[in-house]
Amino acid sequence: MIKLSQEELDSIIQLRNSIRDNTTESGNLNIQKHFMQIELDILNAKLAEVYQKAEQLEAAEKQKIDEIVSKYGEGKLDFATGIYQVN
């Protein structure tokens, strides 16, 4: 049986404490990452809804423009006055 010196024992204990602290920090960071990922998933879902709405609005605008062109012919609309100038 060999008894380690206090210096050797202290250095091993210090390393074990550092390993424990590092493991704890890793766990805490993973928990933070998990909750951030949940928030990111929620934001991505909301963003997808906004993009879908933008596509629907653009399609509705195109349909309305096509209706006006079909009814009056090619032209240009002055949004300030509401006057549609046919080409």
PDB file of N, CA and C in Angstrom:
ATOM      1  N   MET A   1       0.843  -1.164   0.000  1.00  0.00           N
ATOM      2  CA  MET A   1       0.000   0.000   0.000  1.00  0.00           C
ATOM      3  C   MET A   1       0.897   1.239   0.000  1.00  0.00           C
ATOM      4  N   ILE A   2       0.482   2.238  -0.835  1.00  0.00           N
ATOM      5  CA  ILE A   2       1.273   3.465  -0.933  1.00  0.00           C
ATOM      6  C   ILE A   2       0.381   4.638  -0.581  1.00  0.00           C
ATOM      7  N   LYS A   3       0.846   5.472   0.297  1.00  0.00           N
ATOM      8  CA  LYS A   3       0.106   6.673   0.673  1.00  0.00           C
ATOM      9  C   LYS A   3       0.615   7.819  -0.191  1.00  0.00           C
ATOM     10  N   LEU A   4      -0.337   8.456  -0.897  1.00  0.00           N
ATOM     11  CA  LEU A   4       0.049   9.589  -1.736  1.00  0.00           C
ATOM     12  C   LEU A   4       0.385  10.786  -0.865  1.00  0.00           C
ATOM     13  N   SER A   5       1.209  11.630  -1.411  1.00  0.00           N
ATOM     14  CA  SER A   5       1.533  12.863  -0.693  1.00  0.00           C
ATOM     15  C   SER A   5       0.306  13.777  -0.731  1.00  0.00           C
ATOM     16  N   GLN A   6       0.244  14.685   0.181  1.00  0.00           N
ATOM     17  CA  GLN A   6      -0.871  15.634   0.225  1.00  0.00           C
ATOM     18  C   GLN A   6      -0.944  16.428  -1.066  1.00  0.00           C
ATOM     19  N   GLU A   7       0.186  16.757  -1.617  1.00  0.00           N
ATOM     20  CA  GLU A   7       0.266  17.495  -2.886  1.00  0.00           C
ATOM     21  C   GLU A   7      -0.366  16.701  -4.022  1.00  0.00           C
ATOM     22  N   GLU A   8      -0.036  15.409  -4.108  1.00  0.00           N
ATOM     23  CA  GLU A   8      -0.597  14.549  -5.154  1.00  0.00           C
ATOM     24  C   GLU A   8      -2.110  14.406  -4.969  1.00  0.00           C
ATOM     25  N   LEU A   9      -2.519  14.182  -3.743  1.00  0.00           N
ATOM     26  CA  LEU A   9      -3.929  14.026  -3.445  1.00  0.00           C
ATOM     27  C   LEU A   9      -4.693  15.306  -3.760  1.00  0.00           C
ATOM     28  N   ASP A  10      -4.137  16.448  -3.363  1.00  0.00           N
ATOM     29  CA  ASP A  10      -4.780  17.741  -3.633  1.00  0.00           C
ATOM     30  C   ASP A  10      -4.916  17.996  -5.130  1.00  0.00           C
ATOM     31  N   SER A  11      -3.913  17.620  -5.904  1.00  0.00           N
ATOM     32  CA  SER A  11      -3.984  17.868  -7.348  1.00  0.00           C
ATOM     33  C   SER A  11      -5.061  16.992  -7.993  1.00  0.00           C
ATOM     34  N   ILE A  12      -5.213  15.761  -7.517  1.00  0.00           N
ATOM     35  CA  ILE A  12      -6.259  14.877  -8.045  1.00  0.00           C
ATOM     36  C   ILE A  12      -7.634  15.414  -7.650  1.00  0.00           C
ATOM     37  N   ILE A  13      -7.776  15.827  -6.407  1.00  0.00           N
ATOM     38  CA  ILE A  13      -9.052  16.386  -5.946  1.00  0.00           C
ATOM     39  C   ILE A  13      -9.394  17.637  -6.740  1.00  0.00           C
ATOM     40  N   GLN A  14      -8.413  18.480  -6.989  1.00  0.00           N
ATOM     41  CA  GLN A  14      -8.642  19.700  -7.768  1.00  0.00           C
ATOM     42  C   GLN A  14      -9.101  19.353  -9.195  1.00  0.00           C
ATOM     43  N   LEU A  15      -8.482  18.359  -9.792  1.00  0.00           N
ATOM     44  CA  LEU A  15      -8.886  17.935 -11.141  1.00  0.00           C
ATOM     45  C   LEU A  15     -10.303  17.358 -11.133  1.00  0.00           C
ATOM     46  N   ARG A  16     -10.624  16.564 -10.138  1.00  0.00           N
ATOM     47  CA  ARG A  16     -11.981  15.991 -10.045  1.00  0.00           C
ATOM     48  C   ARG A  16     -13.016  17.104  -9.883  1.00  0.00           C
ATOM     49  N   ASN A  17     -12.695  18.104  -9.076  1.00  0.00           N
ATOM     50  CA  ASN A  17     -13.603  19.242  -8.895  1.00  0.00           C
ATOM     51  C   ASN A  17     -13.770  20.013 -10.209  1.00  0.00           C
ATOM     52  N   SER A  18     -12.683  20.179 -10.939  1.00  0.00           N
ATOM     53  CA  SER A  18     -12.749  20.874 -12.226  1.00  0.00           C
ATOM     54  C   SER A  18     -13.590  20.089 -13.225  1.00  0.00           C
ATOM     55  N   ILE A  19     -13.438  18.775 -13.216  1.00  0.00           N
ATOM     56  CA  ILE A  19     -14.244  17.920 -14.107  1.00  0.00           C
ATOM     57  C   ILE A  19     -15.720  18.036 -13.740  1.00  0.00           C
ATOM     58  N   ARG A  20     -16.048  17.993 -12.445  1.00  0.00           N
ATOM     59  CA  ARG A  20     -17.424  18.125 -11.986  1.00  0.00           C
ATOM     60  C   ARG A  20     -18.001  19.493 -12.387  1.00  0.00           C
ATOM     61  N   ASP A  21     -17.226  20.541 -12.184  1.00  0.00           N
ATOM     62  CA  ASP A  21     -17.681  21.890 -12.548  1.00  0.00           C
ATOM     63  C   ASP A  21     -17.916  22.001 -14.050  1.00  0.00           C
ATOM     64  N   ASN A  22     -17.017  21.405 -14.821  1.00  0.00           N
ATOM     65  CA  ASN A  22     -17.147  21.449 -16.276  1.00  0.00           C
ATOM     66  C   ASN A  22     -18.386  20.688 -16.726  1.00  0.00           C
ATOM     67  N   THR A  23     -18.649  19.547 -16.120  1.00  0.00           N
ATOM     68  CA  THR A  23     -19.831  18.743 -16.451  1.00  0.00           C
ATOM     69  C   THR A  23     -21.107  19.493 -16.092  1.00  0.00           C
ATOM     70  N   THR A  24     -21.095  20.156 -14.933  1.00  0.00           N
ATOM     71  CA  THR A  24     -22.256  20.942 -14.516  1.00  0.00           C
ATOM     72  C   THR A  24     -22.511  22.080 -15.492  1.00  0.00           C
ATOM     73  N   GLU A  25     -21.454  22.769 -15.891  1.00  0.00           N
ATOM     74  CA  GLU A  25     -21.606  23.868 -16.844  1.00  0.00           C
ATOM     75  C   GLU A  25     -22.148  23.366 -18.182  1.00  0.00           C
ATOM     76  N   SER A  26     -21.642  22.229 -18.622  1.00  0.00           N
ATOM     77  CA  SER A  26     -22.121  21.635 -19.872  1.00  0.00           C
ATOM     78  C   SER A  26     -23.614  21.330 -19.783  1.00  0.00           C
ATOM     79  N   GLY A  27     -24.037  20.767 -18.655  1.00  0.00           N
ATOM     80  CA  GLY A  27     -25.456  20.470 -18.463  1.00  0.00           C
ATOM     81  C   GLY A  27     -26.303  21.735 -18.464  1.00  0.00           C
ATOM     82  N   ASN A  28     -25.845  22.766 -17.760  1.00  0.00           N
ATOM     83  CA  ASN A  28     -26.584  24.033 -17.718  1.00  0.00           C
ATOM     84  C   ASN A  28     -26.704  24.653 -19.108  1.00  0.00           C
ATOM     85  N   LEU A  29     -25.620  24.616 -19.868  1.00  0.00           N
ATOM     86  CA  LEU A  29     -25.661  25.169 -21.227  1.00  0.00           C
ATOM     87  C   LEU A  29     -26.612  24.384 -22.121  1.00  0.00           C
ATOM     88  N   ASN A  30     -26.636  23.062 -21.954  1.00  0.00           N
ATOM     89  CA  ASN A  30     -27.560  22.246 -22.749  1.00  0.00           C
ATOM     90  C   ASN A  30     -29.014  22.547 -22.412  1.00  0.00           C
ATOM     91  N   ILE A  31     -29.291  22.817 -21.138  1.00  0.00           N
ATOM     92  CA  ILE A  31     -30.654  23.184 -20.751  1.00  0.00           C
ATOM     93  C   ILE A  31     -31.031  24.529 -21.371  1.00  0.00           C
ATOM     94  N   GLN A  32     -30.119  25.504 -21.297  1.00  0.00           N
ATOM     95  CA  GLN A  32     -30.375  26.805 -21.929  1.00  0.00           C
ATOM     96  C   GLN A  32     -30.599  26.646 -23.432  1.00  0.00           C
ATOM     97  N   LYS A  33     -29.763  25.812 -24.051  1.00  0.00           N
ATOM     98  CA  LYS A  33     -29.892  25.568 -25.488  1.00  0.00           C
ATOM     99  C   LYS A  33     -31.256  24.965 -25.811  1.00  0.00           C
ATOM    100  N   HIS A  34     -31.706  24.046 -24.987  1.00  0.00           N
ATOM    101  CA  HIS A  34     -32.999  23.398 -25.198  1.00  0.00           C
ATOM    102  C   HIS A  34     -34.129  24.432 -25.209  1.00  0.00           C
ATOM    103  N   PHE A  35     -34.138  25.314 -24.199  1.00  0.00           N
ATOM    104  CA  PHE A  35     -35.199  26.309 -24.128  1.00  0.00           C
ATOM    105  C   PHE A  35     -35.088  27.337 -25.253  1.00  0.00           C
ATOM    106  N   MET A  36     -33.874  27.667 -25.645  1.00  0.00           N
ATOM    107  CA  MET A  36     -33.701  28.571 -26.788  1.00  0.00           C
ATOM    108  C   MET A  36     -34.198  27.918 -28.075  1.00  0.00           C
ATOM    109  N   GLN A  37     -33.973  26.617 -28.204  1.00  0.00           N
ATOM    110  CA  GLN A  37     -34.442  25.899 -29.392  1.00  0.00           C
ATOM    111  C   GLN A  37     -35.963  25.906 -29.458  1.00  0.00           C
ATOM    112  N   ILE A  38     -36.610  25.755 -28.298  1.00  0.00           N
ATOM    113  CA  ILE A  38     -38.068  25.819 -28.259  1.00  0.00           C
ATOM    114  C   ILE A  38     -38.536  27.192 -28.734  1.00  0.00           C
ATOM    115  N   GLU A  39     -37.900  28.250 -28.228  1.00  0.00           N
ATOM    116  CA  GLU A  39     -38.265  29.607 -28.653  1.00  0.00           C
ATOM    117  C   GLU A  39     -38.019  29.799 -30.144  1.00  0.00           C
ATOM    118  N   LEU A  40     -36.898  29.268 -30.626  1.00  0.00           N
ATOM    119  CA  LEU A  40     -36.587  29.380 -32.050  1.00  0.00           C
ATOM    120  C   LEU A  40     -37.619  28.640 -32.895  1.00  0.00           C
ATOM    121  N   ASP A  41     -38.051  27.477 -32.448  1.00  0.00           N
ATOM    122  CA  ASP A  41     -39.074  26.716 -33.167  1.00  0.00           C
ATOM    123  C   ASP A  41     -40.387  27.507 -33.238  1.00  0.00           C
ATOM    124  N   ILE A  42     -40.742  28.153 -32.127  1.00  0.00           N
ATOM    125  CA  ILE A  42     -41.965  28.971 -32.104  1.00  0.00           C
ATOM    126  C   ILE A  42     -41.841  30.137 -33.075  1.00  0.00           C
ATOM    127  N   LEU A  43     -40.690  30.809 -33.054  1.00  0.00           N
ATOM    128  CA  LEU A  43     -40.470  31.931 -33.970  1.00  0.00           C
ATOM    129  C   LEU A  43     -40.511  31.474 -35.430  1.00  0.00           C
ATOM    130  N   ASN A  44     -39.913  30.335 -35.712  1.00  0.00           N
ATOM    131  CA  ASN A  44     -39.921  29.816 -37.081  1.00  0.00           C
ATOM    132  C   ASN A  44     -41.334  29.481 -37.540  1.00  0.00           C
ATOM    133  N   ALA A  45     -42.148  28.949 -36.641  1.00  0.00           N
ATOM    134  CA  ALA A  45     -43.540  28.639 -36.987  1.00  0.00           C
ATOM    135  C   ALA A  45     -44.311  29.925 -37.285  1.00  0.00           C
ATOM    136  N   LYS A  46     -44.107  30.953 -36.455  1.00  0.00           N
ATOM    137  CA  LYS A  46     -44.776  32.234 -36.686  1.00  0.00           C
ATOM    138  C   LYS A  46     -44.296  32.866 -37.985  1.00  0.00           C
ATOM    139  N   LEU A  47     -43.011  32.763 -38.249  1.00  0.00           N
ATOM    140  CA  LEU A  47     -42.457  33.311 -39.486  1.00  0.00           C
ATOM    141  C   LEU A  47     -43.029  32.590 -40.701  1.00  0.00           C
ATOM    142  N   ALA A  48     -43.202  31.289 -40.609  1.00  0.00           N
ATOM    143  CA  ALA A  48     -43.801  30.527 -41.705  1.00  0.00           C
ATOM    144  C   ALA A  48     -45.235  30.999 -41.963  1.00  0.00           C
ATOM    145  N   GLU A  49     -45.970  31.302 -40.894  1.00  0.00           N
ATOM    146  CA  GLU A  49     -47.335  31.818 -41.049  1.00  0.00           C
ATOM    147  C   GLU A  49     -47.324  33.169 -41.751  1.00  0.00           C
ATOM    148  N   VAL A  50     -46.379  34.028 -41.375  1.00  0.00           N
ATOM    149  CA  VAL A  50     -46.283  35.356 -41.992  1.00  0.00           C
ATOM    150  C   VAL A  50     -45.940  35.224 -43.471  1.00  0.00           C
ATOM    151  N   TYR A  51     -45.010  34.337 -43.802  1.00  0.00           N
ATOM    152  CA  TYR A  51     -44.652  34.123 -45.214  1.00  0.00           C
ATOM    153  C   TYR A  51     -45.846  33.593 -46.006  1.00  0.00           C
ATOM    154  N   GLN A  52     -46.586  32.668 -45.406  1.00  0.00           N
ATOM    155  CA  GLN A  52     -47.761  32.118 -46.091  1.00  0.00           C
ATOM    156  C   GLN A  52     -48.788  33.216 -46.332  1.00  0.00           C
ATOM    157  N   LYS A  53     -49.001  34.072 -45.337  1.00  0.00           N
ATOM    158  CA  LYS A  53     -49.940  35.185 -45.477  1.00  0.00           C
ATOM    159  C   LYS A  53     -49.470  36.141 -46.576  1.00  0.00           C
ATOM    160  N   ALA A  54     -48.168  36.399 -46.636  1.00  0.00           N
ATOM    161  CA  ALA A  54     -47.620  37.276 -47.680  1.00  0.00           C
ATOM    162  C   ALA A  54     -47.895  36.695 -49.065  1.00  0.00           C
ATOM    163  N   GLU A  55     -47.729  35.391 -49.213  1.00  0.00           N
ATOM    164  CA  GLU A  55     -48.001  34.739 -50.496  1.00  0.00           C
ATOM    165  C   GLU A  55     -49.479  34.869 -50.862  1.00  0.00           C
ATOM    166  N   GLN A  56     -50.361  34.696 -49.885  1.00  0.00           N
ATOM    167  CA  GLN A  56     -51.799  34.813 -50.132  1.00  0.00           C
ATOM    168  C   GLN A  56     -52.166  36.241 -50.536  1.00  0.00           C
ATOM    169  N   LEU A  57     -51.576  37.206 -49.847  1.00  0.00           N
ATOM    170  CA  LEU A  57     -51.870  38.608 -50.162  1.00  0.00           C
ATOM    171  C   LEU A  57     -51.371  38.979 -51.558  1.00  0.00           C
ATOM    172  N   GLU A  58     -50.183  38.519 -51.904  1.00  0.00           N
ATOM    173  CA  GLU A  58     -49.655  38.796 -53.241  1.00  0.00           C
ATOM    174  C   GLU A  58     -50.525  38.149 -54.317  1.00  0.00           C
ATOM    175  N   ALA A  59     -50.997  36.931 -54.062  1.00  0.00           N
ATOM    176  CA  ALA A  59     -51.862  36.246 -55.024  1.00  0.00           C
ATOM    177  C   ALA A  59     -53.185  37.003 -55.175  1.00  0.00           C
ATOM    178  N   ALA A  60     -53.738  37.499 -54.061  1.00  0.00           N
ATOM    179  CA  ALA A  60     -54.990  38.254 -54.114  1.00  0.00           C
ATOM    180  C   ALA A  60     -54.797  39.571 -54.871  1.00  0.00           C
ATOM    181  N   GLU A  61     -53.658  40.217 -54.650  1.00  0.00           N
ATOM    182  CA  GLU A  61     -53.362  41.461 -55.364  1.00  0.00           C
ATOM    183  C   GLU A  61     -53.237  41.208 -56.862  1.00  0.00           C
ATOM    184  N   LYS A  62     -52.529  40.140 -57.227  1.00  0.00           N
ATOM    185  CA  LYS A  62     -52.366  39.806 -58.644  1.00  0.00           C
ATOM    186  C   LYS A  62     -53.723  39.510 -59.279  1.00  0.00           C
ATOM    187  N   GLN A  63     -54.568  38.786 -58.565  1.00  0.00           N
ATOM    188  CA  GLN A  63     -55.899  38.467 -59.088  1.00  0.00           C
ATOM    189  C   GLN A  63     -56.694  39.747 -59.313  1.00  0.00           C
ATOM    190  N   LYS A  64     -56.648  40.682 -58.363  1.00  0.00           N
ATOM    191  CA  LYS A  64     -57.384  41.937 -58.495  1.00  0.00           C
ATOM    192  C   LYS A  64     -56.859  42.745 -59.679  1.00  0.00           C
ATOM    193  N   ILE A  65     -55.550  42.809 -59.837  1.00  0.00           N
ATOM    194  CA  ILE A  65     -54.954  43.530 -60.971  1.00  0.00           C
ATOM    195  C   ILE A  65     -55.374  42.884 -62.282  1.00  0.00           C
ATOM    196  N   ASP A  66     -55.355  41.547 -62.331  1.00  0.00           N
ATOM    197  CA  ASP A  66     -55.778  40.836 -63.543  1.00  0.00           C
ATOM    198  C   ASP A  66     -57.238  41.139 -63.884  1.00  0.00           C
ATOM    199  N   GLU A  67     -58.086  41.248 -62.845  1.00  0.00           N
ATOM    200  CA  GLU A  67     -59.497  41.580 -63.071  1.00  0.00           C
ATOM    201  C   GLU A  67     -59.634  42.982 -63.678  1.00  0.00           C
ATOM    202  N   ILE A  68     -58.877  43.921 -63.141  1.00  0.00           N
ATOM    203  CA  ILE A  68     -58.944  45.303 -63.640  1.00  0.00           C
ATOM    204  C   ILE A  68     -58.429  45.376 -65.069  1.00  0.00           C
ATOM    205  N   VAL A  69     -57.312  44.699 -65.350  1.00  0.00           N
ATOM    206  CA  VAL A  69     -56.759  44.701 -66.705  1.00  0.00           C
ATOM    207  C   VAL A  69     -57.734  44.037 -67.662  1.00  0.00           C
ATOM    208  N   SER A  70     -58.368  42.953 -67.223  1.00  0.00           N
ATOM    209  CA  SER A  70     -59.341  42.264 -68.060  1.00  0.00           C
ATOM    210  C   SER A  70     -60.547  43.157 -68.356  1.00  0.00           C
ATOM    211  N   LYS A  71     -60.953  43.943 -67.378  1.00  0.00           N
ATOM    212  CA  LYS A  71     -62.128  44.796 -67.526  1.00  0.00           C
ATOM    213  C   LYS A  71     -61.837  46.068 -68.331  1.00  0.00           C
ATOM    214  N   TYR A  72     -60.672  46.702 -68.078  1.00  0.00           N
ATOM    215  CA  TYR A  72     -60.391  48.004 -68.699  1.00  0.00           C
ATOM    216  C   TYR A  72     -59.252  47.981 -69.706  1.00  0.00           C
ATOM    217  N   GLY A  73     -58.474  46.897 -69.754  1.00  0.00           N
ATOM    218  CA  GLY A  73     -57.320  46.832 -70.633  1.00  0.00           C
ATOM    219  C   GLY A  73     -56.054  47.231 -69.876  1.00  0.00           C
ATOM    220  N   GLU A  74     -54.928  47.093 -70.568  1.00  0.00           N
ATOM    221  CA  GLU A  74     -53.640  47.433 -69.952  1.00  0.00           C
ATOM    222  C   GLU A  74     -53.617  48.914 -69.616  1.00  0.00           C
ATOM    223  N   GLY A  75     -53.040  49.245 -68.471  1.00  0.00           N
ATOM    224  CA  GLY A  75     -52.974  50.638 -68.080  1.00  0.00           C
ATOM    225  C   GLY A  75     -52.164  50.821 -66.825  1.00  0.00           C
ATOM    226  N   LYS A  76     -52.314  52.017 -66.261  1.00  0.00           N
ATOM    227  CA  LYS A  76     -51.558  52.358 -65.070  1.00  0.00           C
ATOM    228  C   LYS A  76     -52.503  53.019 -64.071  1.00  0.00           C
ATOM    229  N   LEU A  77     -52.404  52.604 -62.807  1.00  0.00           N
ATOM    230  CA  LEU A  77     -53.268  53.131 -61.757  1.00  0.00           C
ATOM    231  C   LEU A  77     -52.504  54.153 -60.922  1.00  0.00           C
ATOM    232  N   ASP A  78     -53.119  55.318 -60.752  1.00  0.00           N
ATOM    233  CA  ASP A  78     -52.586  56.320 -59.837  1.00  0.00           C
ATOM    234  C   ASP A  78     -53.276  56.069 -58.490  1.00  0.00           C
ATOM    235  N   PHE A  79     -52.518  55.547 -57.547  1.00  0.00           N
ATOM    236  CA  PHE A  79     -53.099  55.173 -56.257  1.00  0.00           C
ATOM    237  C   PHE A  79     -53.583  56.382 -55.469  1.00  0.00           C
ATOM    238  N   ALA A  80     -52.983  57.538 -55.684  1.00  0.00           N
ATOM    239  CA  ALA A  80     -53.383  58.741 -54.949  1.00  0.00           C
ATOM    240  C   ALA A  80     -54.762  59.225 -55.387  1.00  0.00           C
ATOM    241  N   THR A  81     -55.050  59.123 -56.699  1.00  0.00           N
ATOM    242  CA  THR A  81     -56.318  59.654 -57.206  1.00  0.00           C
ATOM    243  C   THR A  81     -57.321  58.554 -57.519  1.00  0.00           C
ATOM    244  N   GLY A  82     -56.852  57.347 -57.689  1.00  0.00           N
ATOM    245  CA  GLY A  82     -57.738  56.234 -58.049  1.00  0.00           C
ATOM    246  C   GLY A  82     -58.044  56.208 -59.541  1.00  0.00           C
ATOM    247  N   ILE A  83     -57.332  57.026 -60.316  1.00  0.00           N
ATOM    248  CA  ILE A  83     -57.557  57.081 -61.773  1.00  0.00           C
ATOM    249  C   ILE A  83     -56.722  56.015 -62.449  1.00  0.00           C
ATOM    250  N   TYR A  84     -57.388  55.253 -63.322  1.00  0.00           N
ATOM    251  CA  TYR A  84     -56.741  54.204 -64.082  1.00  0.00           C
ATOM    252  C   TYR A  84     -56.568  54.707 -65.509  1.00  0.00           C
ATOM    253  N   GLN A  85     -55.344  54.927 -65.919  1.00  0.00           N
ATOM    254  CA  GLN A  85     -55.048  55.450 -67.247  1.00  0.00           C
ATOM    255  C   GLN A  85     -54.779  54.268 -68.183  1.00  0.00           C
ATOM    256  N   VAL A  86     -55.673  54.086 -69.155  1.00  0.00           N
ATOM    257  CA  VAL A  86     -55.525  52.991 -70.122  1.00  0.00           C
ATOM    258  C   VAL A  86     -54.436  53.362 -71.121  1.00  0.00           C
ATOM    259  N   ASN A  87     -53.612  52.369 -71.483  1.00  0.00           N
ATOM    260  CA  ASN A  87     -52.538  52.604 -72.462  1.00  0.00           C
ATOM    261  C   ASN A  87     -53.084  52.854 -73.838  1.00  0.00           C
TER     262      ASN A  87
END
